Protein backbone atom coordinates (compact mmCIF):
# COMPACT_ATOMS: atom_id res chain seq x y z
CA MET A 1 186.45 94.54 125.21
CA ARG A 2 189.72 92.53 125.70
CA GLU A 3 188.47 89.80 123.77
CA ARG A 4 187.85 92.20 120.69
CA VAL A 5 191.12 94.02 121.33
CA LEU A 6 192.76 90.46 121.18
CA ALA A 7 190.89 89.70 118.06
CA ILE A 8 192.54 92.86 116.69
CA VAL A 9 196.09 91.95 117.71
CA ASN A 10 195.39 88.31 115.99
CA LEU A 11 194.11 90.18 112.66
CA ILE A 12 197.21 92.46 112.81
CA ALA A 13 199.53 89.84 113.20
CA GLN A 14 197.86 87.81 110.14
CA TYR A 15 198.10 90.94 108.19
CA VAL A 16 201.61 91.62 109.17
CA LEU A 17 202.76 87.77 108.08
CA GLY A 18 200.37 87.80 104.90
CA ALA A 19 201.89 91.39 103.98
CA GLU A 20 205.42 90.39 103.42
CA ASP A 21 205.51 90.80 99.74
CA ASN A 22 203.28 93.92 99.90
CA PRO A 23 203.41 95.78 102.90
CA ILE A 24 200.65 97.49 104.50
CA SER A 25 200.42 100.89 105.93
CA GLU A 26 199.12 101.50 109.41
CA GLN A 27 196.37 103.75 108.04
CA GLU A 28 195.44 101.08 105.46
CA LEU A 29 195.50 98.58 108.25
CA MET A 30 193.30 100.92 110.37
CA ALA A 31 190.83 101.40 107.63
CA GLU A 32 190.57 97.70 106.92
CA LEU A 33 189.85 97.08 110.81
CA ILE A 34 187.28 99.74 110.77
CA SER A 35 185.65 98.10 107.84
CA VAL A 36 185.14 94.90 109.53
CA GLY A 37 183.54 96.63 112.56
CA PHE A 38 186.16 97.56 114.88
CA ASP A 39 186.09 101.18 116.35
CA ALA A 40 189.11 103.35 116.67
CA ASP A 41 189.74 103.33 120.57
CA GLU A 42 189.55 99.43 120.26
CA ILE A 43 192.11 99.51 117.48
CA ASN A 44 194.46 101.89 119.26
CA ASP A 45 194.12 99.85 122.37
CA ALA A 46 195.36 96.86 120.44
CA PHE A 47 198.41 99.02 119.02
CA SER A 48 199.26 99.90 122.39
CA TRP A 49 198.71 96.39 123.81
CA MET A 50 201.32 95.34 121.08
CA GLU A 51 203.70 98.20 121.65
CA THR A 52 203.82 97.54 125.42
CA VAL A 53 204.44 93.74 125.13
CA ALA A 54 206.95 94.35 122.29
CA LEU A 55 209.02 97.14 123.95
CA GLN A 56 209.14 95.56 127.51
CA PRO A 57 212.91 95.12 128.25
CA PRO A 58 213.64 91.34 128.30
CA SER A 59 214.12 89.80 131.69
CA GLY A 60 217.93 89.16 131.72
CA SER A 61 219.88 88.25 128.68
CA THR A 62 217.36 86.20 126.69
CA ALA A 63 217.75 84.57 123.36
CA ILE A 64 215.27 82.71 121.82
CA SER A 65 217.06 79.97 119.88
CA PRO A 66 216.06 77.73 117.35
CA LEU A 67 215.45 73.89 118.04
CA LEU A 68 216.85 73.08 121.45
CA ASP A 69 218.29 69.45 121.84
CA HIS A 70 217.33 68.82 125.45
CA PRO A 71 214.26 71.14 127.01
CA THR A 72 213.95 71.19 130.50
CA TYR A 73 210.63 71.18 132.55
CA ARG A 74 209.28 74.03 134.54
CA VAL A 75 207.28 74.10 137.66
CA PHE A 76 204.59 77.08 137.67
CA SER A 77 204.38 78.88 140.89
CA SER A 78 201.01 79.19 142.76
CA GLN A 79 200.75 82.84 141.33
CA GLU A 80 201.61 81.71 137.78
CA GLN A 81 198.83 78.95 137.92
CA GLN A 82 196.24 81.53 138.80
CA MET A 83 197.13 83.92 136.17
CA LEU A 84 197.75 81.49 133.50
CA THR A 85 195.13 79.29 132.49
CA THR A 86 195.69 75.45 132.11
CA GLU A 87 195.48 75.66 128.39
CA ALA A 88 198.30 78.61 128.43
CA ARG A 89 200.54 76.74 130.26
CA GLY A 90 199.89 73.61 128.27
CA PHE A 91 200.61 75.59 125.28
CA LEU A 92 203.84 77.08 126.63
CA ILE A 93 204.99 73.45 127.90
CA LYS A 94 204.44 72.24 124.35
CA VAL A 95 206.38 74.56 122.51
CA ARG A 96 208.99 74.32 125.08
CA THR A 97 209.11 70.62 124.68
CA MET A 98 208.94 70.79 121.02
CA GLY A 99 212.20 72.83 121.23
CA LEU A 100 210.81 76.18 119.89
CA LEU A 101 211.59 78.09 123.14
CA SER A 102 214.74 78.31 125.08
CA ASP A 103 213.94 78.38 128.90
CA GLU A 104 215.00 82.33 129.02
CA ALA A 105 212.59 82.81 125.96
CA GLN A 106 209.70 80.98 127.95
CA GLU A 107 210.60 83.22 131.22
CA GLU A 108 210.39 86.02 129.23
CA ILE A 109 206.92 85.15 127.50
CA ILE A 110 205.57 84.26 131.12
CA ASP A 111 206.88 87.53 132.55
CA ARG A 112 205.57 89.56 129.88
CA ALA A 113 202.26 87.82 130.15
CA LEU A 114 202.12 88.21 133.96
CA ARG A 115 202.88 92.06 133.76
CA SER A 116 200.27 92.97 131.17
CA ALA A 117 197.39 90.70 132.63
CA GLU A 118 194.48 91.73 135.16
CA ASP A 119 192.83 88.49 134.52
CA PRO A 120 194.09 85.10 134.01
CA VAL A 121 195.93 84.82 130.58
CA ASN A 122 194.11 82.49 128.26
CA GLU A 123 195.93 80.10 125.53
CA GLN A 124 195.08 82.77 122.71
CA GLU A 125 196.50 85.57 124.78
CA ILE A 126 199.68 83.78 125.56
CA LYS A 127 200.10 82.59 121.86
CA LEU A 128 199.94 86.37 121.09
CA VAL A 129 202.70 87.27 123.50
CA THR A 130 204.63 84.33 122.29
CA ILE A 131 204.24 85.43 118.86
CA LEU A 132 204.94 89.35 119.62
CA THR A 133 208.12 88.22 121.53
CA LEU A 134 209.50 85.95 118.57
CA LEU A 135 208.53 88.83 116.16
CA SER A 136 210.40 91.26 118.35
CA ARG A 137 213.46 89.21 118.45
CA SER A 138 213.78 88.19 114.67
CA SER A 139 210.80 87.90 112.47
CA SER A 140 212.29 86.41 109.60
CA LEU A 141 213.79 83.38 111.47
CA TRP A 142 210.78 82.43 112.82
CA LEU A 143 207.73 83.43 110.43
CA ARG A 144 206.99 79.50 109.82
CA GLU A 145 206.75 78.93 113.54
CA ILE A 146 204.38 82.15 114.07
CA ASP A 147 202.21 81.08 111.11
CA CYS A 148 202.19 77.44 112.40
CA LEU A 149 201.12 78.67 116.04
CA LEU A 150 198.25 80.86 114.57
CA GLU A 151 196.95 78.09 112.51
CA ASN A 152 197.57 75.43 115.10
CA ASP A 153 199.36 73.50 112.72
CA TRP A 154 202.04 71.58 114.54
CA GLY A 155 202.55 69.19 111.95
CA ARG A 156 204.49 71.78 109.92
CA ILE A 157 206.83 72.78 112.65
CA TYR A 158 209.40 70.01 111.87
CA GLN A 159 209.28 70.12 107.95
């Protein structure tokens, strides 16, 4: 069930990013998701999960700032190592090293991911939390980066 909900969240993010010129209503989005085989409960769970992640208050005063000059390196606690897969931690290190996240933004993403996790958070899940966090901050500033994250197209980040 969890993987299907994450698949729905991924599709919703793609619809939102692709519908900038022609916005899609929630009802149209629901109808589209039902037509590809998801049921209403799964779709509602996905919307609830997105709302929960997006509305969680930031831990402290966080600002996601564009390209930082000197990234710092974070050591993950033993609990974080248990709850974030190696790939998820690697993804966070990668985007932080590339200067796409501030220290505060990275902490917020880790905090949100751990608060909503029952099982270890994988790379796809941490990407979605990162994207939702970026979208909740300022969607127009980060659209290219979000698109690159979804498509694993790291070469376009610095264009």
